[in-house]
Amino acid sequence: MIEQEPDRFYDWVLWALRQEEKKEKQMAGERLDINDDGLVTGIHPSQNANEILNEQRNTAMKESLTSSKRMIWVTFQKEGIHMYPGAGEDPKLATGDWDDVSFLRYPHRHMFHFKVTIEVFHDDREIEFIQFSRWLQRLFSEDILQLDYKSCEMVADNMIIEIRKRYGTKRDVVIEVSEDNENGCVVTYPGS
């Protein structure tokens, strides 16, 4: 419906402002419903405006994908034996009370669980899971790991040296090592 141009000056100014608003909105691809008081009562986006918005939304989503950090992870486990020689003499550990762990000074068995997370730079198997897992497991060639005095953190530190040799220093790597999947460490090695 086309509005008639009013006779009174004040009404004419309001009418002219509404006409200009309509033109601006139509140029932006929208049609507005504006009542006699100048209030917008409805917005009707044009097909073109919807297409532009969808294209902008899709572009933003694609850009967020390319700026995402990508990490893969693998897990495996190995039986191992280690000990904590200082546990027998350290008074914080050999307490003789409920929190006594002096028994750790003797060689004891654990099932060591590993989870290694490594950064990848694209989304199509830059580092293939199974190959990465098999390679990591080959770092521990014995059937039963003989870790001597090494803590979980020390084992992780040994692993990162080998990972850096093979995959470089630019990748973030996170290594988790646990004893019997109950207690363990998480060590984060930022890429350089």
C-alpha atoms as a PDB file:
ATOM      1  CA  MET A   1       0.000   0.000   0.000  1.00  0.00           C
ATOM      2  CA  ILE A   2       1.424   3.393  -0.994  1.00  0.00           C
ATOM      3  CA  GLU A   3       1.098   6.185   1.546  1.00  0.00           C
ATOM      4  CA  GLN A   4      -0.333   9.479   0.374  1.00  0.00           C
ATOM      5  CA  GLU A   5       1.762  12.576   0.864  1.00  0.00           C
ATOM      6  CA  PRO A   6       0.207  14.509   3.810  1.00  0.00           C
ATOM      7  CA  ASP A   7      -0.771  18.180   3.672  1.00  0.00           C
ATOM      8  CA  ARG A   8       0.434  19.327   7.101  1.00  0.00           C
ATOM      9  CA  PHE A   9       4.186  20.067   7.360  1.00  0.00           C
ATOM     10  CA  TYR A  10       4.800  18.047  10.560  1.00  0.00           C
ATOM     11  CA  ASP A  11       3.008  15.006   9.166  1.00  0.00           C
ATOM     12  CA  TRP A  12       4.860  15.472   5.896  1.00  0.00           C
ATOM     13  CA  VAL A  13       8.289  15.396   7.670  1.00  0.00           C
ATOM     14  CA  LEU A  14       7.388  12.120   9.444  1.00  0.00           C
ATOM     15  CA  TRP A  15       6.106  10.710   6.160  1.00  0.00           C
ATOM     16  CA  ALA A  16       9.316  11.741   4.322  1.00  0.00           C
ATOM     17  CA  LEU A  17      11.494  10.130   7.034  1.00  0.00           C
ATOM     18  CA  ARG A  18       9.513   6.884   6.745  1.00  0.00           C
ATOM     19  CA  GLN A  19       9.951   6.970   2.976  1.00  0.00           C
ATOM     20  CA  GLU A  20      13.739   7.388   3.332  1.00  0.00           C
ATOM     21  CA  GLU A  21      13.898   4.539   5.868  1.00  0.00           C
ATOM     22  CA  LYS A  22      11.965   2.347   3.475  1.00  0.00           C
ATOM     23  CA  LYS A  23      14.362   3.166   0.645  1.00  0.00           C
ATOM     24  CA  GLU A  24      17.428   2.406   2.812  1.00  0.00           C
ATOM     25  CA  LYS A  25      15.998  -0.894   3.965  1.00  0.00           C
ATOM     26  CA  GLN A  26      15.000  -1.888   0.447  1.00  0.00           C
ATOM     27  CA  MET A  27      18.507  -1.115  -0.722  1.00  0.00           C
ATOM     28  CA  ALA A  28      19.784  -3.473   1.992  1.00  0.00           C
ATOM     29  CA  GLY A  29      17.467  -6.129   0.615  1.00  0.00           C
ATOM     30  CA  GLU A  30      14.758  -5.919   3.253  1.00  0.00           C
ATOM     31  CA  ARG A  31      11.181  -4.738   3.227  1.00  0.00           C
ATOM     32  CA  LEU A  32       9.892  -3.166   6.432  1.00  0.00           C
ATOM     33  CA  ASP A  33       6.340  -2.729   7.617  1.00  0.00           C
ATOM     34  CA  ILE A  34       6.144   0.700   9.283  1.00  0.00           C
ATOM     35  CA  ASN A  35       2.982   1.931  10.985  1.00  0.00           C
ATOM     36  CA  ASP A  36       1.660   5.525  11.022  1.00  0.00           C
ATOM     37  CA  ASP A  37       3.674   6.306  14.161  1.00  0.00           C
ATOM     38  CA  GLY A  38       6.893   5.384  12.381  1.00  0.00           C
ATOM     39  CA  LEU A  39       7.373   2.090  14.268  1.00  0.00           C
ATOM     40  CA  VAL A  40       8.591  -1.022  12.472  1.00  0.00           C
ATOM     41  CA  THR A  41       5.951  -3.717  12.769  1.00  0.00           C
ATOM     42  CA  GLY A  42       7.550  -6.319  10.508  1.00  0.00           C
ATOM     43  CA  ILE A  43      10.794  -7.125   8.686  1.00  0.00           C
ATOM     44  CA  HIS A  44      10.845  -9.166   5.504  1.00  0.00           C
ATOM     45  CA  PRO A  45      14.400 -10.092   4.422  1.00  0.00           C
ATOM     46  CA  SER A  46      14.827 -10.424   0.707  1.00  0.00           C
ATOM     47  CA  GLN A  47      16.027 -13.671  -0.839  1.00  0.00           C
ATOM     48  CA  ASN A  48      19.269 -11.932  -1.685  1.00  0.00           C
ATOM     49  CA  ALA A  49      19.831 -10.820   1.932  1.00  0.00           C
ATOM     50  CA  ASN A  50      19.259 -14.376   3.194  1.00  0.00           C
ATOM     51  CA  GLU A  51      21.729 -15.726   0.648  1.00  0.00           C
ATOM     52  CA  ILE A  52      24.312 -13.152   1.698  1.00  0.00           C
ATOM     53  CA  LEU A  53      23.818 -13.984   5.397  1.00  0.00           C
ATOM     54  CA  ASN A  54      24.106 -17.721   4.727  1.00  0.00           C
ATOM     55  CA  GLU A  55      27.262 -17.190   2.687  1.00  0.00           C
ATOM     56  CA  GLN A  56      28.785 -15.068   5.462  1.00  0.00           C
ATOM     57  CA  ARG A  57      27.848 -17.698   8.050  1.00  0.00           C
ATOM     58  CA  ASN A  58      29.391 -20.493   5.956  1.00  0.00           C
ATOM     59  CA  THR A  59      32.573 -18.479   5.380  1.00  0.00           C
ATOM     60  CA  ALA A  60      32.901 -17.811   9.123  1.00  0.00           C
ATOM     61  CA  MET A  61      32.464 -21.523   9.906  1.00  0.00           C
ATOM     62  CA  LYS A  62      35.099 -22.522   7.341  1.00  0.00           C
ATOM     63  CA  GLU A  63      37.511 -19.921   8.741  1.00  0.00           C
ATOM     64  CA  SER A  64      36.998 -21.302  12.257  1.00  0.00           C
ATOM     65  CA  LEU A  65      37.887 -24.765  10.960  1.00  0.00           C
ATOM     66  CA  THR A  66      41.141 -23.610   9.421  1.00  0.00           C
ATOM     67  CA  SER A  67      42.158 -21.803  12.614  1.00  0.00           C
ATOM     68  CA  SER A  68      41.359 -24.811  14.831  1.00  0.00           C
ATOM     69  CA  LYS A  69      44.146 -26.677  16.572  1.00  0.00           C
ATOM     70  CA  ARG A  70      43.976 -30.355  15.666  1.00  0.00           C
ATOM     71  CA  MET A  71      45.289 -33.100  17.900  1.00  0.00           C
ATOM     72  CA  ILE A  72      45.165 -36.874  17.595  1.00  0.00           C
ATOM     73  CA  TRP A  73      45.728 -39.350  20.406  1.00  0.00           C
ATOM     74  CA  VAL A  74      46.527 -43.004  20.836  1.00  0.00           C
ATOM     75  CA  THR A  75      46.582 -45.280  23.847  1.00  0.00           C
ATOM     76  CA  PHE A  76      48.428 -48.475  24.683  1.00  0.00           C
ATOM     77  CA  GLN A  77      49.617 -50.345  27.733  1.00  0.00           C
ATOM     78  CA  LYS A  78      52.704 -52.262  28.746  1.00  0.00           C
ATOM     79  CA  GLU A  79      53.537 -54.358  31.759  1.00  0.00           C
ATOM     80  CA  GLY A  80      56.491 -52.983  33.661  1.00  0.00           C
ATOM     81  CA  ILE A  81      58.538 -53.136  36.830  1.00  0.00           C
ATOM     82  CA  HIS A  82      60.002 -50.165  38.648  1.00  0.00           C
ATOM     83  CA  MET A  83      60.891 -48.986  42.113  1.00  0.00           C
ATOM     84  CA  TYR A  84      61.356 -45.832  44.156  1.00  0.00           C
ATOM     85  CA  PRO A  85      64.651 -46.362  46.041  1.00  0.00           C
ATOM     86  CA  GLY A  86      64.273 -43.226  48.180  1.00  0.00           C
ATOM     87  CA  ALA A  87      60.918 -44.352  49.583  1.00  0.00           C
ATOM     88  CA  GLY A  88      62.641 -46.426  52.293  1.00  0.00           C
ATOM     89  CA  GLU A  89      64.685 -43.580  53.792  1.00  0.00           C
ATOM     90  CA  ASP A  90      62.651 -40.428  53.202  1.00  0.00           C
ATOM     91  CA  PRO A  91      60.692 -39.655  56.411  1.00  0.00           C
ATOM     92  CA  LYS A  92      57.868 -38.087  54.339  1.00  0.00           C
ATOM     93  CA  LEU A  93      57.396 -41.495  52.668  1.00  0.00           C
ATOM     94  CA  ALA A  94      58.507 -44.012  55.319  1.00  0.00           C
ATOM     95  CA  THR A  95      56.182 -42.668  58.003  1.00  0.00           C
ATOM     96  CA  GLY A  96      55.328 -45.937  59.768  1.00  0.00           C
ATOM     97  CA  ASP A  97      51.713 -44.772  59.736  1.00  0.00           C
ATOM     98  CA  TRP A  98      48.661 -44.981  57.434  1.00  0.00           C
ATOM     99  CA  ASP A  99      50.442 -43.018  54.718  1.00  0.00           C
ATOM    100  CA  ASP A 100      53.623 -45.140  54.733  1.00  0.00           C
ATOM    101  CA  VAL A 101      54.779 -46.072  51.228  1.00  0.00           C
ATOM    102  CA  SER A 102      58.233 -47.409  52.071  1.00  0.00           C
ATOM    103  CA  PHE A 103      57.332 -50.632  50.202  1.00  0.00           C
ATOM    104  CA  LEU A 104      57.832 -48.706  46.934  1.00  0.00           C
ATOM    105  CA  ARG A 105      61.622 -49.068  47.425  1.00  0.00           C
ATOM    106  CA  TYR A 106      61.309 -52.665  46.247  1.00  0.00           C
ATOM    107  CA  PRO A 107      60.813 -53.575  42.584  1.00  0.00           C
ATOM    108  CA  HIS A 108      57.089 -53.903  41.938  1.00  0.00           C
ATOM    109  CA  ARG A 109      54.867 -54.534  38.943  1.00  0.00           C
ATOM    110  CA  HIS A 110      52.377 -52.230  37.261  1.00  0.00           C
ATOM    111  CA  MET A 111      50.418 -52.208  34.072  1.00  0.00           C
ATOM    112  CA  PHE A 112      51.562 -48.874  32.634  1.00  0.00           C
ATOM    113  CA  HIS A 113      48.922 -47.090  30.559  1.00  0.00           C
ATOM    114  CA  PHE A 114      49.960 -44.517  27.980  1.00  0.00           C
ATOM    115  CA  LYS A 115      47.968 -41.855  26.174  1.00  0.00           C
ATOM    116  CA  VAL A 116      49.916 -39.722  23.726  1.00  0.00           C
ATOM    117  CA  THR A 117      48.300 -36.706  22.069  1.00  0.00           C
ATOM    118  CA  ILE A 118      50.104 -34.942  19.230  1.00  0.00           C
ATOM    119  CA  GLU A 119      49.240 -31.907  17.125  1.00  0.00           C
ATOM    120  CA  VAL A 120      48.566 -32.405  13.424  1.00  0.00           C
ATOM    121  CA  PHE A 121      48.432 -29.676  10.803  1.00  0.00           C
ATOM    122  CA  HIS A 122      45.651 -30.900   8.521  1.00  0.00           C
ATOM    123  CA  ASP A 123      42.578 -33.106   8.756  1.00  0.00           C
ATOM    124  CA  ASP A 124      43.485 -36.037   6.510  1.00  0.00           C
ATOM    125  CA  ARG A 125      45.621 -38.473   8.507  1.00  0.00           C
ATOM    126  CA  GLU A 126      48.824 -36.451   8.571  1.00  0.00           C
ATOM    127  CA  ILE A 127      49.869 -38.870  11.316  1.00  0.00           C
ATOM    128  CA  GLU A 128      47.977 -42.136  10.996  1.00  0.00           C
ATOM    129  CA  PHE A 129      46.703 -43.436  14.370  1.00  0.00           C
ATOM    130  CA  ILE A 130      47.667 -47.084  14.054  1.00  0.00           C
ATOM    131  CA  GLN A 131      51.136 -46.370  12.702  1.00  0.00           C
ATOM    132  CA  PHE A 132      51.755 -43.810  15.450  1.00  0.00           C
ATOM    133  CA  SER A 133      50.638 -46.256  18.136  1.00  0.00           C
ATOM    134  CA  ARG A 134      52.750 -49.103  16.745  1.00  0.00           C
ATOM    135  CA  TRP A 135      55.809 -46.851  16.515  1.00  0.00           C
ATOM    136  CA  LEU A 136      55.365 -45.688  20.128  1.00  0.00           C
ATOM    137  CA  GLN A 137      55.006 -49.251  21.349  1.00  0.00           C
ATOM    138  CA  ARG A 138      58.235 -50.196  19.573  1.00  0.00           C
ATOM    139  CA  LEU A 139      60.041 -47.646  21.764  1.00  0.00           C
ATOM    140  CA  PHE A 140      59.539 -50.212  24.527  1.00  0.00           C
ATOM    141  CA  SER A 141      60.920 -53.346  22.923  1.00  0.00           C
ATOM    142  CA  GLU A 142      60.987 -55.586  26.010  1.00  0.00           C
ATOM    143  CA  ASP A 143      57.984 -57.709  26.854  1.00  0.00           C
ATOM    144  CA  ILE A 144      58.134 -56.421  30.425  1.00  0.00           C
ATOM    145  CA  LEU A 145      59.458 -52.889  30.835  1.00  0.00           C
ATOM    146  CA  GLN A 146      62.395 -52.603  33.208  1.00  0.00           C
ATOM    147  CA  LEU A 147      62.027 -48.993  34.319  1.00  0.00           C
ATOM    148  CA  ASP A 148      64.320 -49.185  37.368  1.00  0.00           C
ATOM    149  CA  TYR A 149      63.861 -45.983  39.407  1.00  0.00           C
ATOM    150  CA  LYS A 150      61.930 -44.023  36.732  1.00  0.00           C
ATOM    151  CA  SER A 151      58.729 -42.209  37.646  1.00  0.00           C
ATOM    152  CA  CYS A 152      55.829 -41.787  35.223  1.00  0.00           C
ATOM    153  CA  GLU A 153      57.059 -38.243  34.536  1.00  0.00           C
ATOM    154  CA  MET A 154      60.547 -39.528  33.680  1.00  0.00           C
ATOM    155  CA  VAL A 155      59.059 -42.073  31.268  1.00  0.00           C
ATOM    156  CA  ALA A 156      57.083 -39.270  29.569  1.00  0.00           C
ATOM    157  CA  ASP A 157      60.255 -37.157  29.296  1.00  0.00           C
ATOM    158  CA  ASN A 158      62.074 -40.052  27.626  1.00  0.00           C
ATOM    159  CA  MET A 159      59.202 -40.501  25.176  1.00  0.00           C
ATOM    160  CA  ILE A 160      59.084 -36.838  24.142  1.00  0.00           C
ATOM    161  CA  ILE A 161      62.744 -36.943  23.124  1.00  0.00           C
ATOM    162  CA  GLU A 162      61.988 -39.753  20.661  1.00  0.00           C
ATOM    163  CA  ILE A 163      58.779 -38.101  19.439  1.00  0.00           C
ATOM    164  CA  ARG A 164      60.645 -34.825  18.805  1.00  0.00           C
ATOM    165  CA  LYS A 165      63.338 -36.675  16.860  1.00  0.00           C
ATOM    166  CA  ARG A 166      60.743 -38.208  14.567  1.00  0.00           C
ATOM    167  CA  TYR A 167      58.075 -35.473  14.294  1.00  0.00           C
ATOM    168  CA  GLY A 168      60.010 -32.257  15.008  1.00  0.00           C
ATOM    169  CA  THR A 169      59.635 -29.622  17.677  1.00  0.00           C
ATOM    170  CA  LYS A 170      56.783 -27.501  16.275  1.00  0.00           C
ATOM    171  CA  ARG A 171      53.963 -29.742  17.491  1.00  0.00           C
ATOM    172  CA  ASP A 172      52.258 -29.591  20.873  1.00  0.00           C
ATOM    173  CA  VAL A 173      52.408 -32.987  22.547  1.00  0.00           C
ATOM    174  CA  VAL A 174      50.668 -34.232  25.689  1.00  0.00           C
ATOM    175  CA  ILE A 175      51.800 -37.491  27.284  1.00  0.00           C
ATOM    176  CA  GLU A 176      49.901 -39.309  30.014  1.00  0.00           C
ATOM    177  CA  VAL A 177      51.511 -42.230  31.837  1.00  0.00           C
ATOM    178  CA  SER A 178      49.690 -44.039  34.613  1.00  0.00           C
ATOM    179  CA  GLU A 179      50.261 -46.973  36.895  1.00  0.00           C
ATOM    180  CA  ASP A 180      47.409 -49.482  36.562  1.00  0.00           C
ATOM    181  CA  ASN A 181      45.222 -46.693  35.138  1.00  0.00           C
ATOM    182  CA  GLU A 182      44.824 -45.402  38.711  1.00  0.00           C
ATOM    183  CA  ASN A 183      47.589 -42.874  39.342  1.00  0.00           C
ATOM    184  CA  GLY A 184      49.794 -41.114  36.884  1.00  0.00           C
ATOM    185  CA  CYS A 185      50.976 -37.951  35.237  1.00  0.00           C
ATOM    186  CA  VAL A 186      50.012 -35.629  32.422  1.00  0.00           C
ATOM    187  CA  VAL A 187      52.897 -33.697  30.896  1.00  0.00           C
ATOM    188  CA  THR A 188      52.286 -31.016  28.259  1.00  0.00           C
ATOM    189  CA  TYR A 189      55.155 -30.245  25.868  1.00  0.00           C
ATOM    190  CA  PRO A 190      54.378 -27.072  23.878  1.00  0.00           C
ATOM    191  CA  GLY A 191      55.646 -26.842  20.326  1.00  0.00           C
ATOM    192  CA  SER A 192      58.301 -24.272  19.547  1.00  0.00           C
END
